[in-house]
Amino acid sequence: MYIRNKSGLIQECHNEDVIRTCQKDIEHFTVAENRESLTAKEAVNKPEEKPELKKMKVDELRAMAKERGIEGAASLNKEELLAVLKG
């Protein structure tokens, strides 16, 4: 897995505990399976998505969580998904 921090630094990580922690802290970290995914996400600015999260369906929230590399999103309900995605 690869982790990008708030300053844009991308590092490879194999420690599952670190990966889980970073996946939960989406305000400061982005986690992906490959470096290219993180590089592509740098170009996309998504500030307007946060206010619209409540309007999204559970399936859409799960897809977004999967894109962000959040494991176990399929088992989360809407409230849990909103909490994880908002950070």
N, C-alpha and C. Protein backbone atom coordinates (compact mmCIF):
# COMPACT_ATOMS: atom_id res chain seq x y z
N MET A 1 0.84 -1.17 0.00
CA MET A 1 0.00 0.00 0.00
C MET A 1 0.89 1.24 0.00
N TYR A 2 0.35 2.32 -0.54
CA TYR A 2 1.05 3.59 -0.59
C TYR A 2 0.24 4.62 0.19
N ILE A 3 0.94 5.49 0.88
CA ILE A 3 0.30 6.52 1.69
C ILE A 3 0.84 7.89 1.27
N ARG A 4 -0.10 8.83 1.03
CA ARG A 4 0.29 10.22 0.74
C ARG A 4 -0.15 11.06 1.93
N ASN A 5 0.79 11.84 2.46
CA ASN A 5 0.43 12.69 3.60
C ASN A 5 -0.07 14.05 3.10
N LYS A 6 -0.44 14.90 4.04
CA LYS A 6 -1.03 16.20 3.72
C LYS A 6 -0.10 17.08 2.88
N SER A 7 1.21 16.92 3.07
CA SER A 7 2.16 17.73 2.31
C SER A 7 2.44 17.16 0.92
N GLY A 8 1.88 15.97 0.61
CA GLY A 8 2.03 15.40 -0.72
C GLY A 8 3.09 14.32 -0.84
N LEU A 9 3.80 14.03 0.25
CA LEU A 9 4.83 12.99 0.24
C LEU A 9 4.17 11.62 0.14
N ILE A 10 4.63 10.79 -0.80
CA ILE A 10 4.09 9.44 -0.99
C ILE A 10 5.14 8.43 -0.57
N GLN A 11 4.71 7.47 0.30
CA GLN A 11 5.61 6.42 0.77
C GLN A 11 4.91 5.07 0.70
N GLU A 12 5.69 4.04 0.42
CA GLU A 12 5.17 2.68 0.45
C GLU A 12 5.13 2.21 1.90
N CYS A 13 4.07 1.49 2.28
CA CYS A 13 3.93 1.03 3.66
C CYS A 13 3.41 -0.40 3.67
N HIS A 14 4.00 -1.24 4.51
CA HIS A 14 3.57 -2.63 4.65
C HIS A 14 2.99 -2.91 6.03
N ASN A 15 3.02 -1.94 6.93
CA ASN A 15 2.54 -2.11 8.29
C ASN A 15 1.02 -1.91 8.32
N GLU A 16 0.28 -2.99 8.59
CA GLU A 16 -1.18 -2.94 8.56
C GLU A 16 -1.76 -1.96 9.57
N ASP A 17 -1.15 -1.84 10.74
CA ASP A 17 -1.64 -0.90 11.75
C ASP A 17 -1.51 0.54 11.27
N VAL A 18 -0.40 0.86 10.65
CA VAL A 18 -0.18 2.21 10.12
C VAL A 18 -1.18 2.48 9.00
N ILE A 19 -1.37 1.50 8.14
CA ILE A 19 -2.31 1.66 7.02
C ILE A 19 -3.72 1.93 7.54
N ARG A 20 -4.17 1.15 8.53
CA ARG A 20 -5.52 1.34 9.10
C ARG A 20 -5.65 2.72 9.73
N THR A 21 -4.63 3.15 10.44
CA THR A 21 -4.67 4.47 11.07
C THR A 21 -4.78 5.57 10.02
N CYS A 22 -4.00 5.45 8.97
CA CYS A 22 -4.03 6.45 7.90
C CYS A 22 -5.36 6.44 7.14
N GLN A 23 -5.95 5.26 6.98
CA GLN A 23 -7.24 5.17 6.30
C GLN A 23 -8.33 5.86 7.10
N LYS A 24 -8.22 5.85 8.40
CA LYS A 24 -9.22 6.51 9.25
C LYS A 24 -9.03 8.02 9.30
N ASP A 25 -7.81 8.49 9.08
CA ASP A 25 -7.50 9.92 9.15
C ASP A 25 -7.40 10.50 7.75
N ILE A 26 -8.55 10.58 7.07
CA ILE A 26 -8.54 11.01 5.66
C ILE A 26 -8.25 12.50 5.50
N GLU A 27 -8.30 13.25 6.59
CA GLU A 27 -7.95 14.67 6.51
C GLU A 27 -6.45 14.86 6.27
N HIS A 28 -5.64 13.92 6.77
CA HIS A 28 -4.19 14.05 6.68
C HIS A 28 -3.53 13.04 5.75
N PHE A 29 -4.22 11.94 5.43
CA PHE A 29 -3.60 10.88 4.63
C PHE A 29 -4.54 10.34 3.57
N THR A 30 -3.95 9.88 2.48
CA THR A 30 -4.67 9.16 1.44
C THR A 30 -3.94 7.84 1.23
N VAL A 31 -4.69 6.74 1.19
CA VAL A 31 -4.09 5.42 1.06
C VAL A 31 -4.59 4.77 -0.22
N ALA A 32 -3.68 4.15 -0.96
CA ALA A 32 -4.04 3.46 -2.20
C ALA A 32 -3.14 2.25 -2.39
N GLU A 33 -3.59 1.35 -3.25
CA GLU A 33 -2.82 0.13 -3.50
C GLU A 33 -1.60 0.38 -4.38
N ASN A 34 -1.65 1.44 -5.20
CA ASN A 34 -0.49 1.72 -6.05
C ASN A 34 -0.20 3.22 -6.09
N ARG A 35 1.03 3.55 -6.40
CA ARG A 35 1.50 4.94 -6.42
C ARG A 35 0.74 5.77 -7.47
N GLU A 36 0.42 5.15 -8.60
CA GLU A 36 -0.26 5.88 -9.67
C GLU A 36 -1.62 6.41 -9.22
N SER A 37 -2.33 5.65 -8.41
CA SER A 37 -3.62 6.11 -7.91
C SER A 37 -3.48 7.39 -7.10
N LEU A 38 -2.46 7.45 -6.28
CA LEU A 38 -2.24 8.65 -5.47
C LEU A 38 -1.80 9.83 -6.31
N THR A 39 -0.99 9.57 -7.31
CA THR A 39 -0.54 10.63 -8.20
C THR A 39 -1.73 11.21 -8.97
N ALA A 40 -2.64 10.35 -9.42
CA ALA A 40 -3.81 10.81 -10.15
C ALA A 40 -4.74 11.60 -9.24
N LYS A 41 -4.86 11.19 -7.97
CA LYS A 41 -5.73 11.89 -7.02
C LYS A 41 -5.21 13.27 -6.68
N GLU A 42 -3.90 13.49 -6.80
CA GLU A 42 -3.34 14.82 -6.52
C GLU A 42 -3.93 15.87 -7.45
N ALA A 43 -4.20 15.48 -8.67
CA ALA A 43 -4.69 16.42 -9.66
C ALA A 43 -6.17 16.76 -9.45
N VAL A 44 -6.88 15.92 -8.71
CA VAL A 44 -8.31 16.11 -8.50
C VAL A 44 -8.54 16.82 -7.17
N ASN A 45 -9.25 17.93 -7.22
CA ASN A 45 -9.57 18.66 -6.01
C ASN A 45 -11.04 18.41 -5.69
N LYS A 46 -11.34 17.86 -4.51
CA LYS A 46 -12.70 17.48 -4.18
C LYS A 46 -13.24 18.21 -2.94
N PRO A 47 -13.05 19.49 -2.80
CA PRO A 47 -13.53 20.14 -1.58
C PRO A 47 -15.05 20.19 -1.47
N GLU A 48 -15.76 20.24 -2.58
CA GLU A 48 -17.21 20.35 -2.51
C GLU A 48 -17.90 19.03 -2.22
N GLU A 49 -17.18 17.93 -2.18
CA GLU A 49 -17.81 16.63 -1.92
C GLU A 49 -18.22 16.47 -0.47
N LYS A 50 -17.49 17.00 0.47
CA LYS A 50 -17.79 16.80 1.88
C LYS A 50 -19.21 17.25 2.26
N PRO A 51 -19.66 18.44 1.87
CA PRO A 51 -21.01 18.85 2.26
C PRO A 51 -22.10 17.97 1.64
N GLU A 52 -21.80 17.31 0.55
CA GLU A 52 -22.80 16.52 -0.15
C GLU A 52 -22.84 15.06 0.32
N LEU A 53 -21.98 14.67 1.23
CA LEU A 53 -21.93 13.27 1.65
C LEU A 53 -23.26 12.79 2.21
N LYS A 54 -23.95 13.60 3.00
CA LYS A 54 -25.22 13.19 3.60
C LYS A 54 -26.28 12.88 2.54
N LYS A 55 -26.19 13.52 1.39
CA LYS A 55 -27.17 13.30 0.33
C LYS A 55 -26.90 12.04 -0.48
N MET A 56 -25.71 11.48 -0.31
CA MET A 56 -25.32 10.31 -1.10
C MET A 56 -25.95 9.04 -0.54
N LYS A 57 -26.17 8.07 -1.43
CA LYS A 57 -26.70 6.76 -1.03
C LYS A 57 -25.57 5.93 -0.44
N VAL A 58 -25.95 4.91 0.32
CA VAL A 58 -24.97 4.04 0.99
C VAL A 58 -24.01 3.42 -0.02
N ASP A 59 -24.54 2.96 -1.16
CA ASP A 59 -23.68 2.35 -2.18
C ASP A 59 -22.65 3.34 -2.71
N GLU A 60 -23.06 4.59 -2.87
CA GLU A 60 -22.13 5.62 -3.35
C GLU A 60 -21.05 5.91 -2.30
N LEU A 61 -21.46 5.94 -1.03
CA LEU A 61 -20.50 6.17 0.05
C LEU A 61 -19.51 5.01 0.14
N ARG A 62 -20.01 3.79 -0.04
CA ARG A 62 -19.12 2.62 0.00
C ARG A 62 -18.12 2.67 -1.15
N ALA A 63 -18.58 3.09 -2.33
CA ALA A 63 -17.68 3.19 -3.48
C ALA A 63 -16.60 4.25 -3.21
N MET A 64 -17.00 5.36 -2.62
CA MET A 64 -16.04 6.41 -2.30
C MET A 64 -15.02 5.91 -1.27
N ALA A 65 -15.51 5.19 -0.28
CA ALA A 65 -14.61 4.63 0.74
C ALA A 65 -13.63 3.65 0.12
N LYS A 66 -14.12 2.85 -0.81
CA LYS A 66 -13.24 1.89 -1.49
C LYS A 66 -12.18 2.63 -2.30
N GLU A 67 -12.57 3.71 -2.99
CA GLU A 67 -11.62 4.52 -3.76
C GLU A 67 -10.51 5.07 -2.86
N ARG A 68 -10.89 5.41 -1.65
CA ARG A 68 -9.93 5.99 -0.70
C ARG A 68 -9.14 4.93 0.05
N GLY A 69 -9.41 3.66 -0.29
CA GLY A 69 -8.64 2.57 0.32
C GLY A 69 -9.08 2.19 1.72
N ILE A 70 -10.30 2.52 2.08
CA ILE A 70 -10.80 2.20 3.41
C ILE A 70 -11.32 0.76 3.40
N GLU A 71 -10.65 -0.08 4.17
CA GLU A 71 -11.02 -1.49 4.22
C GLU A 71 -12.25 -1.69 5.08
N GLY A 72 -13.07 -2.68 4.73
CA GLY A 72 -14.25 -3.02 5.51
C GLY A 72 -15.43 -2.10 5.28
N ALA A 73 -15.38 -1.27 4.26
CA ALA A 73 -16.46 -0.32 3.99
C ALA A 73 -17.77 -1.03 3.67
N ALA A 74 -17.70 -2.23 3.10
CA ALA A 74 -18.91 -2.96 2.73
C ALA A 74 -19.76 -3.32 3.94
N SER A 75 -19.15 -3.41 5.12
CA SER A 75 -19.89 -3.80 6.32
C SER A 75 -20.36 -2.60 7.14
N LEU A 76 -20.05 -1.38 6.70
CA LEU A 76 -20.43 -0.19 7.46
C LEU A 76 -21.80 0.32 7.06
N ASN A 77 -22.54 0.88 8.02
CA ASN A 77 -23.82 1.50 7.69
C ASN A 77 -23.57 2.96 7.29
N LYS A 78 -24.63 3.68 6.94
CA LYS A 78 -24.46 5.03 6.41
C LYS A 78 -23.80 5.97 7.43
N GLU A 79 -24.23 5.90 8.69
CA GLU A 79 -23.64 6.78 9.71
C GLU A 79 -22.15 6.52 9.88
N GLU A 80 -21.77 5.24 9.89
CA GLU A 80 -20.36 4.89 10.03
C GLU A 80 -19.56 5.34 8.82
N LEU A 81 -20.13 5.18 7.63
CA LEU A 81 -19.45 5.62 6.41
C LEU A 81 -19.25 7.13 6.42
N LEU A 82 -20.28 7.87 6.82
CA LEU A 82 -20.16 9.33 6.89
C LEU A 82 -19.06 9.74 7.86
N ALA A 83 -18.99 9.07 9.00
CA ALA A 83 -17.96 9.39 9.99
C ALA A 83 -16.57 9.11 9.46
N VAL A 84 -16.41 7.98 8.78
CA VAL A 84 -15.09 7.61 8.24
C VAL A 84 -14.68 8.55 7.11
N LEU A 85 -15.61 8.88 6.24
CA LEU A 85 -15.28 9.73 5.09
C LEU A 85 -15.06 11.19 5.49
N LYS A 86 -15.73 11.64 6.52
CA LYS A 86 -15.53 13.01 6.98
C LYS A 86 -14.26 13.15 7.79
N GLY A 87 -13.82 12.05 8.39
CA GLY A 87 -12.59 12.08 9.20
C GLY A 87 -12.92 12.48 10.56
